[in-house]
């Protein structure tokens, strides 16, 4: 399964399984604390995405100007130390679009190796 297919599967499960406290954490680099989190309630169309910002990073792992610009250019909004993105997902096409968007952020901003296995923690509650 490709990274995008894995993200797509996780997004589907966030929307169709579990309960009100569903979330997934995609970790790119545990040592640097580079991650992206997505949360949703089962049955909901709105997915809340959060990408780590400098407030949760050690000084040596802070985002560089190119990473900041990538987040802003892709549509992430800086809030309370992180970056957020809220998306309405109401069809397979919009879910695919969000999966592609998340993958683009993980690879181009946080440096996920496109050939690596995706590290994801899925919590359905």
Protein backbone atom coordinates (compact mmCIF):
# COMPACT_ATOMS: atom_id res chain seq x y z
CA UNK A 1 0.00 0.00 0.00
CA UNK A 2 1.40 3.40 -0.96
CA UNK A 3 1.69 6.26 1.52
CA UNK A 4 -1.25 8.09 -0.09
CA UNK A 5 -3.37 4.93 0.01
CA UNK A 6 -2.52 4.54 3.71
CA UNK A 7 -3.55 8.15 4.40
CA UNK A 8 -6.74 7.64 2.41
CA UNK A 9 -7.59 4.52 4.43
CA UNK A 10 -6.98 6.36 7.71
CA UNK A 11 -9.18 9.29 6.65
CA UNK A 12 -11.97 6.88 5.70
CA UNK A 13 -11.73 5.10 9.04
CA UNK A 14 -11.74 8.39 10.97
CA UNK A 15 -15.07 9.22 9.33
CA UNK A 16 -16.71 5.80 9.53
CA UNK A 17 -15.51 4.05 12.68
CA UNK A 18 -15.12 4.87 16.37
CA UNK A 19 -16.87 7.82 17.95
CA UNK A 20 -16.44 11.47 18.88
CA UNK A 21 -12.73 11.36 19.75
CA UNK A 22 -11.16 9.86 16.63
CA UNK A 23 -7.70 11.03 15.62
CA UNK A 24 -4.62 9.93 13.72
CA UNK A 25 -1.03 11.06 14.10
CA UNK A 26 1.32 10.83 11.13
CA UNK A 27 4.89 11.02 12.45
CA UNK A 28 7.61 11.98 10.01
CA UNK A 29 10.54 12.27 12.40
CA UNK A 30 10.05 11.29 16.03
CA UNK A 31 13.42 12.73 17.10
CA UNK A 32 12.55 16.16 15.67
CA UNK A 33 8.87 15.82 16.73
CA UNK A 34 7.68 16.42 13.15
CA UNK A 35 4.07 15.24 12.91
CA UNK A 36 0.68 16.00 11.45
CA UNK A 37 -2.57 15.10 13.21
CA UNK A 38 -6.08 14.67 11.82
CA UNK A 39 -9.23 14.40 13.93
CA UNK A 40 -12.87 13.73 13.11
CA UNK A 41 -16.02 12.32 14.59
CA UNK A 42 -17.53 9.18 13.09
CA UNK A 43 -20.17 10.25 10.59
CA UNK A 44 -18.85 13.81 10.32
CA UNK A 45 -17.77 15.46 7.07
CA UNK A 46 -15.43 18.01 8.66
CA UNK A 47 -11.86 16.91 9.31
CA UNK A 48 -9.54 19.02 11.45
CA UNK A 49 -5.86 18.84 10.53
CA UNK A 50 -3.00 20.16 12.63
CA UNK A 51 0.67 20.34 11.61
CA UNK A 52 3.36 20.89 14.22
CA UNK A 53 4.83 24.37 14.57
CA UNK A 54 7.75 25.85 16.47
CA UNK A 55 5.96 26.01 19.84
CA UNK A 56 6.40 22.24 20.15
CA UNK A 57 9.87 21.92 18.64
CA UNK A 58 13.30 22.13 20.22
CA UNK A 59 15.36 25.13 19.05
CA UNK A 60 17.54 22.99 16.78
CA UNK A 61 14.45 21.51 15.09
CA UNK A 62 12.52 24.74 14.48
CA UNK A 63 11.04 25.14 11.03
CA UNK A 64 13.14 27.04 8.52
CA UNK A 65 11.76 29.83 6.29
CA UNK A 66 11.20 27.42 3.39
CA UNK A 67 9.10 25.14 5.61
CA UNK A 68 7.05 28.10 6.88
CA UNK A 69 6.41 29.28 3.35
CA UNK A 70 5.39 25.78 2.27
CA UNK A 71 2.79 25.57 5.02
CA UNK A 72 1.37 29.01 4.22
CA UNK A 73 1.45 28.42 0.46
CA UNK A 74 -0.51 25.17 0.89
CA UNK A 75 -3.19 26.92 2.93
CA UNK A 76 -2.26 26.04 6.51
CA UNK A 77 -3.19 28.71 9.05
CA UNK A 78 -0.94 29.45 12.02
CA UNK A 79 -2.81 29.08 15.32
CA UNK A 80 -1.52 28.76 18.88
CA UNK A 81 1.91 27.43 17.96
CA UNK A 82 0.77 24.96 15.29
CA UNK A 83 -0.79 25.16 11.83
CA UNK A 84 -4.37 24.15 11.12
CA UNK A 85 -6.39 23.21 8.09
CA UNK A 86 -10.08 22.29 8.15
CA UNK A 87 -11.60 20.41 5.23
CA UNK A 88 -15.09 19.25 4.33
CA UNK A 89 -14.85 15.65 3.13
CA UNK A 90 -18.14 14.44 1.73
CA UNK A 91 -17.12 12.19 -1.17
CA UNK A 92 -14.35 9.81 -2.23
CA UNK A 93 -12.97 12.62 -4.43
CA UNK A 94 -12.67 15.13 -1.60
CA UNK A 95 -11.16 12.45 0.64
CA UNK A 96 -8.58 11.69 -2.08
CA UNK A 97 -7.82 15.39 -2.42
CA UNK A 98 -7.21 15.69 1.33
CA UNK A 99 -5.01 12.57 1.33
CA UNK A 100 -2.90 14.06 -1.48
CA UNK A 101 -2.71 17.39 0.40
CA UNK A 102 -1.57 15.69 3.63
CA UNK A 103 1.01 13.64 1.74
CA UNK A 104 2.34 16.75 -0.03
CA UNK A 105 2.71 18.50 3.34
CA UNK A 106 4.45 15.51 4.94
CA UNK A 107 6.93 15.11 2.09
CA UNK A 108 7.69 18.67 1.00
CA UNK A 109 7.48 20.51 4.34
CA UNK A 110 8.53 17.90 6.90
CA UNK A 111 10.79 15.76 4.71
CA UNK A 112 8.98 12.41 4.70
CA UNK A 113 10.86 10.02 2.44
CA UNK A 114 8.28 9.01 -0.21
CA UNK A 115 9.71 5.47 -0.20
CA UNK A 116 9.57 5.00 3.59
CA UNK A 117 6.85 3.20 5.47
CA UNK A 118 4.32 5.67 6.84
CA UNK A 119 4.32 5.90 10.65
CA UNK A 120 0.72 6.39 11.70
CA UNK A 121 -1.11 5.99 14.99
CA UNK A 122 -4.87 5.69 14.61
CA UNK A 123 -7.10 6.14 17.67
CA UNK A 124 -10.81 5.42 17.27
CA UNK A 125 -12.80 6.33 20.36
